[in-house]
Amino acid sequence: MAATFSEIITDCVQQALGLPRDQLEVELRDLALSAMNEQGRIIWDSWPWDNEKLDEFDSPTPDADGIITFAANVDVVRALRSLDSSSSADSGQRIYAESDLLAMERGVDISDTRFKHLSADTNGYRRIQVPVETTYPTYRVLALKHWSDAVVDANYDPLDPSATPTDYRVLTFIIDRAEPALRAYVKDVLREYDDRPQLKNAERLLGMAINRDIKDTDREKRLNPRNPCFTEIGNWH
């Protein structure tokens, strides 16, 4: 079972500094939490995500210009499929991404069966632009989640922790296989703060976790061109 950020911090402070578990100073807590957020994002961005990280959901409804603005937890849009009147993704069609920069270089317009990535809005939310149509008002989306820092929530209630799910006392590190690397980094930050020598094992432990995940996990190996081509010569593989 994955440990909470609070449990990891308590363990790291005790193991790195030899301090009691029930007397955690606020300064040490905040230092360890900051280190966890920093290294946690690095691990998150370097992890070889596969289907385990793809969450399928219905897209927000496009606006009049075909622009879809996603929620704050959406990071990378991996696939898009239109939904027909029965809301069945299997009966819709795959909408491929097309670069407006490459289209401009070629002197052509974006195809009306493609979507393009847009810059994020003022809130940092991901946006894409889909064909303007009424046949398929919504789409089925596969996307990667956005990393979110753990925080100290002033409204945290130990009797109802689910009310503040981003509080460090209830939040867990999703990539549990990389937890030893995260712990190693936090302990080194604490040792440096206390003028103790660092062990610097985090990078090695992260490499071990990634290597094990790639080698031991049954992963499909397939190459899919982003845009179908050669249609004039018939079916191809």
C-alpha atoms as a PDB file:
ATOM      1  CA  MET A   1       0.000   0.000   0.000  1.00  0.00           C
ATOM      2  CA  ALA A   2       1.345   3.415  -0.974  1.00  0.00           C
ATOM      3  CA  ALA A   3       2.448   5.656   1.871  1.00  0.00           C
ATOM      4  CA  THR A   4       1.049   9.149   2.278  1.00  0.00           C
ATOM      5  CA  PHE A   5       3.294  12.175   1.886  1.00  0.00           C
ATOM      6  CA  SER A   6       3.006  12.667   5.638  1.00  0.00           C
ATOM      7  CA  GLU A   7       4.255   9.144   6.352  1.00  0.00           C
ATOM      8  CA  ILE A   8       7.131   9.511   3.903  1.00  0.00           C
ATOM      9  CA  ILE A   9       8.209  12.817   5.451  1.00  0.00           C
ATOM     10  CA  THR A  10       8.073  11.382   8.961  1.00  0.00           C
ATOM     11  CA  ASP A  11      10.151   8.360   7.917  1.00  0.00           C
ATOM     12  CA  CYS A  12      12.708  10.500   6.115  1.00  0.00           C
ATOM     13  CA  VAL A  13      13.175  12.914   8.994  1.00  0.00           C
ATOM     14  CA  GLN A  14      13.692  10.055  11.446  1.00  0.00           C
ATOM     15  CA  GLN A  15      16.046   8.081   9.179  1.00  0.00           C
ATOM     16  CA  ALA A  16      18.112  11.020   7.940  1.00  0.00           C
ATOM     17  CA  LEU A  17      18.302  13.088  11.128  1.00  0.00           C
ATOM     18  CA  GLY A  18      17.495  10.605  13.885  1.00  0.00           C
ATOM     19  CA  LEU A  19      14.721  12.785  15.299  1.00  0.00           C
ATOM     20  CA  PRO A  20      11.585  11.501  17.070  1.00  0.00           C
ATOM     21  CA  ARG A  21       8.635  10.739  14.808  1.00  0.00           C
ATOM     22  CA  ASP A  22       6.119  12.584  16.985  1.00  0.00           C
ATOM     23  CA  GLN A  23       8.019  15.888  17.215  1.00  0.00           C
ATOM     24  CA  LEU A  24       8.259  17.051  13.613  1.00  0.00           C
ATOM     25  CA  GLU A  25       9.154  20.727  13.369  1.00  0.00           C
ATOM     26  CA  VAL A  26       7.227  22.863  10.903  1.00  0.00           C
ATOM     27  CA  GLU A  27      10.469  24.030   9.252  1.00  0.00           C
ATOM     28  CA  LEU A  28      11.584  20.452   8.596  1.00  0.00           C
ATOM     29  CA  ARG A  29       8.131  19.465   7.394  1.00  0.00           C
ATOM     30  CA  ASP A  30       7.996  22.326   4.902  1.00  0.00           C
ATOM     31  CA  LEU A  31      11.538  21.605   3.705  1.00  0.00           C
ATOM     32  CA  ALA A  32      10.749  17.925   3.147  1.00  0.00           C
ATOM     33  CA  LEU A  33       7.422  18.715   1.482  1.00  0.00           C
ATOM     34  CA  SER A  34       9.092  21.169  -0.887  1.00  0.00           C
ATOM     35  CA  ALA A  35      11.684  18.538  -1.781  1.00  0.00           C
ATOM     36  CA  MET A  36       8.961  15.959  -2.412  1.00  0.00           C
ATOM     37  CA  ASN A  37       7.102  18.306  -4.737  1.00  0.00           C
ATOM     38  CA  GLU A  38      10.275  19.160  -6.637  1.00  0.00           C
ATOM     39  CA  GLN A  39      11.523  15.592  -7.082  1.00  0.00           C
ATOM     40  CA  GLY A  40       8.008  14.231  -7.474  1.00  0.00           C
ATOM     41  CA  ARG A  41       7.452  16.390 -10.564  1.00  0.00           C
ATOM     42  CA  ILE A  42      10.813  15.283 -12.016  1.00  0.00           C
ATOM     43  CA  ILE A  43       9.917  11.607 -11.531  1.00  0.00           C
ATOM     44  CA  TRP A  44       6.436  12.226 -12.924  1.00  0.00           C
ATOM     45  CA  ASP A  45       7.814  13.854 -16.093  1.00  0.00           C
ATOM     46  CA  SER A  46      10.516  11.215 -16.627  1.00  0.00           C
ATOM     47  CA  TRP A  47       8.351   8.147 -16.001  1.00  0.00           C
ATOM     48  CA  PRO A  48       7.634   5.950 -19.087  1.00  0.00           C
ATOM     49  CA  TRP A  49       3.853   6.196 -18.873  1.00  0.00           C
ATOM     50  CA  ASP A  50       1.847   3.531 -20.653  1.00  0.00           C
ATOM     51  CA  ASN A  51      -1.864   2.745 -20.718  1.00  0.00           C
ATOM     52  CA  GLU A  52      -1.940   2.830 -16.914  1.00  0.00           C
ATOM     53  CA  LYS A  53      -1.801   6.626 -17.153  1.00  0.00           C
ATOM     54  CA  LEU A  54      -4.387   7.040 -19.919  1.00  0.00           C
ATOM     55  CA  ASP A  55      -7.753   8.047 -18.533  1.00  0.00           C
ATOM     56  CA  GLU A  56     -10.602   8.001 -21.026  1.00  0.00           C
ATOM     57  CA  PHE A  57     -13.272  10.674 -20.645  1.00  0.00           C
ATOM     58  CA  ASP A  58     -15.788  12.739 -22.613  1.00  0.00           C
ATOM     59  CA  SER A  59     -14.389  16.065 -23.721  1.00  0.00           C
ATOM     60  CA  PRO A  60     -15.968  19.397 -22.811  1.00  0.00           C
ATOM     61  CA  THR A  61     -18.240  20.701 -25.565  1.00  0.00           C
ATOM     62  CA  PRO A  62     -16.301  22.722 -28.181  1.00  0.00           C
ATOM     63  CA  ASP A  63     -17.148  26.404 -28.484  1.00  0.00           C
ATOM     64  CA  ALA A  64     -18.356  28.049 -31.711  1.00  0.00           C
ATOM     65  CA  ASP A  65     -14.807  28.029 -33.091  1.00  0.00           C
ATOM     66  CA  GLY A  66     -14.259  24.351 -32.266  1.00  0.00           C
ATOM     67  CA  ILE A  67     -11.990  25.136 -29.308  1.00  0.00           C
ATOM     68  CA  ILE A  68     -12.016  22.671 -26.410  1.00  0.00           C
ATOM     69  CA  THR A  69     -10.611  23.872 -23.091  1.00  0.00           C
ATOM     70  CA  PHE A  70      -9.753  21.019 -20.741  1.00  0.00           C
ATOM     71  CA  ALA A  71      -9.789  20.935 -16.958  1.00  0.00           C
ATOM     72  CA  ALA A  72      -6.725  21.769 -14.885  1.00  0.00           C
ATOM     73  CA  ASN A  73      -5.805  18.098 -14.366  1.00  0.00           C
ATOM     74  CA  VAL A  74      -5.306  17.424 -18.102  1.00  0.00           C
ATOM     75  CA  ASP A  75      -1.701  17.657 -19.285  1.00  0.00           C
ATOM     76  CA  VAL A  76      -1.034  15.854 -22.601  1.00  0.00           C
ATOM     77  CA  VAL A  77      -3.801  14.917 -25.049  1.00  0.00           C
ATOM     78  CA  ARG A  78      -2.862  11.551 -26.570  1.00  0.00           C
ATOM     79  CA  ALA A  79      -5.862  10.552 -28.687  1.00  0.00           C
ATOM     80  CA  LEU A  80      -9.222  11.890 -29.798  1.00  0.00           C
ATOM     81  CA  ARG A  81     -12.228  10.056 -31.202  1.00  0.00           C
ATOM     82  CA  SER A  82     -15.547  11.579 -32.180  1.00  0.00           C
ATOM     83  CA  LEU A  83     -18.800  10.358 -30.639  1.00  0.00           C
ATOM     84  CA  ASP A  84     -21.834   9.686 -32.789  1.00  0.00           C
ATOM     85  CA  SER A  85     -25.457  10.162 -31.747  1.00  0.00           C
ATOM     86  CA  SER A  86     -25.347   6.921 -29.746  1.00  0.00           C
ATOM     87  CA  SER A  87     -22.330   8.247 -27.793  1.00  0.00           C
ATOM     88  CA  SER A  88     -20.362   5.161 -28.793  1.00  0.00           C
ATOM     89  CA  ALA A  89     -16.673   5.789 -29.308  1.00  0.00           C
ATOM     90  CA  ASP A  90     -16.446   2.651 -31.451  1.00  0.00           C
ATOM     91  CA  SER A  91     -18.862   4.070 -34.019  1.00  0.00           C
ATOM     92  CA  GLY A  92     -17.176   7.465 -34.227  1.00  0.00           C
ATOM     93  CA  GLN A  93     -13.971   8.303 -36.065  1.00  0.00           C
ATOM     94  CA  ARG A  94     -10.404   8.956 -34.972  1.00  0.00           C
ATOM     95  CA  ILE A  95      -9.447  12.611 -35.178  1.00  0.00           C
ATOM     96  CA  TYR A  96      -5.728  12.991 -35.814  1.00  0.00           C
ATOM     97  CA  ALA A  97      -3.550  15.880 -34.717  1.00  0.00           C
ATOM     98  CA  GLU A  98      -2.070  18.122 -37.381  1.00  0.00           C
ATOM     99  CA  SER A  99       0.494  20.864 -36.858  1.00  0.00           C
ATOM    100  CA  ASP A 100      -0.596  24.304 -38.025  1.00  0.00           C
ATOM    101  CA  LEU A 101       3.085  25.280 -38.343  1.00  0.00           C
ATOM    102  CA  LEU A 102       3.831  22.435 -40.763  1.00  0.00           C
ATOM    103  CA  ALA A 103       0.626  23.177 -42.658  1.00  0.00           C
ATOM    104  CA  MET A 104       1.692  26.807 -43.011  1.00  0.00           C
ATOM    105  CA  GLU A 105       5.105  25.748 -44.324  1.00  0.00           C
ATOM    106  CA  ARG A 106       3.403  23.595 -46.945  1.00  0.00           C
ATOM    107  CA  GLY A 107       1.033  26.419 -47.834  1.00  0.00           C
ATOM    108  CA  VAL A 108      -2.110  24.457 -46.966  1.00  0.00           C
ATOM    109  CA  ASP A 109      -4.909  24.760 -44.428  1.00  0.00           C
ATOM    110  CA  ILE A 110      -5.530  22.400 -41.537  1.00  0.00           C
ATOM    111  CA  SER A 111      -7.687  19.514 -42.748  1.00  0.00           C
ATOM    112  CA  ASP A 112     -11.328  19.594 -41.645  1.00  0.00           C
ATOM    113  CA  THR A 113     -10.868  16.059 -40.257  1.00  0.00           C
ATOM    114  CA  ARG A 114      -7.947  16.968 -37.982  1.00  0.00           C
ATOM    115  CA  PHE A 115      -7.435  18.801 -34.720  1.00  0.00           C
ATOM    116  CA  LYS A 116      -4.612  21.082 -33.683  1.00  0.00           C
ATOM    117  CA  HIS A 117      -3.011  21.937 -30.372  1.00  0.00           C
ATOM    118  CA  LEU A 118      -3.391  25.514 -29.172  1.00  0.00           C
ATOM    119  CA  SER A 119      -1.525  27.496 -26.556  1.00  0.00           C
ATOM    120  CA  ALA A 120      -2.865  27.180 -23.029  1.00  0.00           C
ATOM    121  CA  ASP A 121      -5.381  29.753 -21.840  1.00  0.00           C
ATOM    122  CA  THR A 122      -4.624  32.413 -19.224  1.00  0.00           C
ATOM    123  CA  ASN A 123      -5.211  29.872 -16.453  1.00  0.00           C
ATOM    124  CA  GLY A 124      -2.740  27.421 -17.963  1.00  0.00           C
ATOM    125  CA  TYR A 125      -5.461  24.978 -19.092  1.00  0.00           C
ATOM    126  CA  ARG A 126      -4.750  22.850 -22.181  1.00  0.00           C
ATOM    127  CA  ARG A 127      -6.652  23.706 -25.355  1.00  0.00           C
ATOM    128  CA  ILE A 128      -7.159  22.071 -28.733  1.00  0.00           C
ATOM    129  CA  GLN A 129      -9.212  23.048 -31.784  1.00  0.00           C
ATOM    130  CA  VAL A 130     -11.400  20.453 -33.500  1.00  0.00           C
ATOM    131  CA  PRO A 131     -13.362  20.678 -36.757  1.00  0.00           C
ATOM    132  CA  VAL A 132     -16.371  22.995 -36.456  1.00  0.00           C
ATOM    133  CA  GLU A 133     -19.384  20.748 -36.902  1.00  0.00           C
ATOM    134  CA  THR A 134     -22.643  19.724 -35.278  1.00  0.00           C
ATOM    135  CA  THR A 135     -22.592  15.984 -36.064  1.00  0.00           C
ATOM    136  CA  TYR A 136     -20.093  15.213 -33.314  1.00  0.00           C
ATOM    137  CA  PRO A 137     -20.494  17.789 -30.528  1.00  0.00           C
ATOM    138  CA  THR A 138     -18.309  15.840 -28.082  1.00  0.00           C
ATOM    139  CA  TYR A 139     -15.280  13.589 -28.276  1.00  0.00           C
ATOM    140  CA  ARG A 140     -13.754  10.722 -26.368  1.00  0.00           C
ATOM    141  CA  VAL A 141     -10.316  11.683 -25.072  1.00  0.00           C
ATOM    142  CA  LEU A 142      -7.250   9.813 -23.857  1.00  0.00           C
ATOM    143  CA  ALA A 143      -4.945  12.128 -21.934  1.00  0.00           C
ATOM    144  CA  LEU A 144      -2.233  12.243 -19.313  1.00  0.00           C
ATOM    145  CA  LYS A 145      -2.903  13.861 -15.976  1.00  0.00           C
ATOM    146  CA  HIS A 146      -1.136  17.000 -14.863  1.00  0.00           C
ATOM    147  CA  TRP A 147       1.202  16.845 -11.864  1.00  0.00           C
ATOM    148  CA  SER A 148      -0.188  18.603  -8.790  1.00  0.00           C
ATOM    149  CA  ASP A 149       1.935  19.639  -5.826  1.00  0.00           C
ATOM    150  CA  ALA A 150       1.050  18.443  -2.356  1.00  0.00           C
ATOM    151  CA  VAL A 151       0.066  21.301  -0.056  1.00  0.00           C
ATOM    152  CA  VAL A 152      -0.624  22.092   3.579  1.00  0.00           C
ATOM    153  CA  ASP A 153      -4.329  22.857   3.601  1.00  0.00           C
ATOM    154  CA  ALA A 154      -5.464  25.142   6.416  1.00  0.00           C
ATOM    155  CA  ASN A 155      -8.931  23.554   6.239  1.00  0.00           C
ATOM    156  CA  TYR A 156      -7.687  19.997   6.734  1.00  0.00           C
ATOM    157  CA  ASP A 157      -9.995  17.976   8.976  1.00  0.00           C
ATOM    158  CA  PRO A 158      -8.533  14.675  10.266  1.00  0.00           C
ATOM    159  CA  LEU A 159     -12.085  13.436  10.837  1.00  0.00           C
ATOM    160  CA  ASP A 160     -12.944  14.082   7.180  1.00  0.00           C
ATOM    161  CA  PRO A 161      -9.688  13.978   5.182  1.00  0.00           C
ATOM    162  CA  SER A 162     -11.484  13.371   1.882  1.00  0.00           C
ATOM    163  CA  ALA A 163     -12.727  16.973   2.075  1.00  0.00           C
ATOM    164  CA  THR A 164      -9.162  18.155   1.327  1.00  0.00           C
ATOM    165  CA  PRO A 165      -7.718  15.407  -0.919  1.00  0.00           C
ATOM    166  CA  THR A 166      -4.682  17.486  -1.958  1.00  0.00           C
ATOM    167  CA  ASP A 167      -3.456  17.896   1.622  1.00  0.00           C
ATOM    168  CA  TYR A 168      -0.061  16.252   2.137  1.00  0.00           C
ATOM    169  CA  ARG A 169      -1.412  14.222   5.066  1.00  0.00           C
ATOM    170  CA  VAL A 170      -3.711  12.169   2.830  1.00  0.00           C
ATOM    171  CA  LEU A 171      -2.071  12.463  -0.594  1.00  0.00           C
ATOM    172  CA  THR A 172      -0.072   9.472  -1.840  1.00  0.00           C
ATOM    173  CA  PHE A 173       2.625   9.269  -4.499  1.00  0.00           C
ATOM    174  CA  ILE A 174       0.967   7.505  -7.422  1.00  0.00           C
ATOM    175  CA  ILE A 175       4.186   6.023  -8.824  1.00  0.00           C
ATOM    176  CA  ASP A 176       4.760   3.720  -5.870  1.00  0.00           C
ATOM    177  CA  ARG A 177       7.567   1.859  -7.683  1.00  0.00           C
ATOM    178  CA  ALA A 178       9.586   5.075  -7.625  1.00  0.00           C
ATOM    179  CA  GLU A 179       8.900   5.837  -3.972  1.00  0.00           C
ATOM    180  CA  PRO A 180      12.405   4.690  -2.842  1.00  0.00           C
ATOM    181  CA  ALA A 181      13.946   7.251  -5.207  1.00  0.00           C
ATOM    182  CA  LEU A 182      11.684   9.966  -3.837  1.00  0.00           C
ATOM    183  CA  ARG A 183      12.591   9.050  -0.268  1.00  0.00           C
ATOM    184  CA  ALA A 184      16.303   9.015  -1.081  1.00  0.00           C
ATOM    185  CA  TYR A 185      16.112  12.523  -2.525  1.00  0.00           C
ATOM    186  CA  VAL A 186      14.172  13.916   0.455  1.00  0.00           C
ATOM    187  CA  LYS A 187      16.634  12.379   2.911  1.00  0.00           C
ATOM    188  CA  ASP A 188      19.558  13.927   1.046  1.00  0.00           C
ATOM    189  CA  VAL A 189      17.900  17.359   1.197  1.00  0.00           C
ATOM    190  CA  LEU A 190      17.452  16.923   4.958  1.00  0.00           C
ATOM    191  CA  ARG A 191      21.069  15.773   5.379  1.00  0.00           C
ATOM    192  CA  GLU A 192      22.304  18.793   3.440  1.00  0.00           C
ATOM    193  CA  TYR A 193      20.204  21.058   5.670  1.00  0.00           C
ATOM    194  CA  ASP A 194      21.856  19.465   8.722  1.00  0.00           C
ATOM    195  CA  ASP A 195      25.382  19.639   7.223  1.00  0.00           C
ATOM    196  CA  ARG A 196      25.570  15.869   6.883  1.00  0.00           C
ATOM    197  CA  PRO A 197      26.994  14.016   3.860  1.00  0.00           C
ATOM    198  CA  GLN A 198      24.483  13.107   1.161  1.00  0.00           C
ATOM    199  CA  LEU A 199      24.211   9.548  -0.152  1.00  0.00           C
ATOM    200  CA  LYS A 200      22.993  10.628  -3.615  1.00  0.00           C
ATOM    201  CA  ASN A 201      21.125   7.400  -4.367  1.00  0.00           C
ATOM    202  CA  ALA A 202      17.973   8.963  -5.834  1.00  0.00           C
ATOM    203  CA  GLU A 203      19.068   8.950  -9.480  1.00  0.00           C
ATOM    204  CA  ARG A 204      20.264   5.341  -9.310  1.00  0.00           C
ATOM    205  CA  LEU A 205      17.075   4.179  -7.599  1.00  0.00           C
ATOM    206  CA  LEU A 206      14.908   5.995 -10.141  1.00  0.00           C
ATOM    207  CA  GLY A 207      16.859   4.381 -12.981  1.00  0.00           C
ATOM    208  CA  MET A 208      16.314   0.968 -11.411  1.00  0.00           C
ATOM    209  CA  ALA A 209      12.570   1.592 -11.076  1.00  0.00           C
ATOM    210  CA  ILE A 210      12.189   2.796 -14.678  1.00  0.00           C
ATOM    211  CA  ASN A 211      14.292  -0.068 -16.021  1.00  0.00           C
ATOM    212  CA  ARG A 212      12.249  -2.622 -14.100  1.00  0.00           C
ATOM    213  CA  ASP A 213       8.977  -1.102 -15.272  1.00  0.00           C
ATOM    214  CA  ILE A 214      10.069  -1.192 -18.917  1.00  0.00           C
ATOM    215  CA  LYS A 215      11.570  -4.692 -18.858  1.00  0.00           C
ATOM    216  CA  ASP A 216       9.101  -6.518 -16.629  1.00  0.00           C
ATOM    217  CA  THR A 217       5.847  -4.973 -17.847  1.00  0.00           C
ATOM    218  CA  ASP A 218       4.192  -6.617 -20.836  1.00  0.00           C
ATOM    219  CA  ARG A 219       4.039  -3.733 -23.294  1.00  0.00           C
ATOM    220  CA  GLU A 220       2.828  -3.747 -26.855  1.00  0.00           C
ATOM    221  CA  LYS A 221       5.366  -2.532 -29.409  1.00  0.00           C
ATOM    222  CA  ARG A 222       3.737  -0.921 -32.410  1.00  0.00           C
ATOM    223  CA  LEU A 223       4.418   1.952 -34.785  1.00  0.00           C
ATOM    224  CA  ASN A 224       1.399   3.965 -35.936  1.00  0.00           C
ATOM    225  CA  PRO A 225       1.941   6.843 -38.406  1.00  0.00           C
ATOM    226  CA  ARG A 226       0.270   9.997 -37.123  1.00  0.00           C
ATOM    227  CA  ASN A 227      -1.550  10.570 -40.429  1.00  0.00           C
ATOM    228  CA  PRO A 228      -2.655   7.859 -42.887  1.00  0.00           C
ATOM    229  CA  CYS A 229      -0.986   8.106 -46.285  1.00  0.00           C
ATOM    230  CA  PHE A 230      -0.508   6.236 -49.546  1.00  0.00           C
ATOM    231  CA  THR A 231      -4.286   5.828 -49.868  1.00  0.00           C
ATOM    232  CA  GLU A 232      -4.008   5.901 -53.655  1.00  0.00           C
ATOM    233  CA  ILE A 233      -2.374   2.444 -53.671  1.00  0.00           C
ATOM    234  CA  GLY A 234      -5.041   0.780 -51.569  1.00  0.00           C
ATOM    235  CA  ASN A 235      -4.833  -0.832 -48.156  1.00  0.00           C
ATOM    236  CA  TRP A 236      -1.455  -0.949 -46.505  1.00  0.00           C
ATOM    237  CA  HIS A 237       0.024  -2.057 -43.190  1.00  0.00           C
END
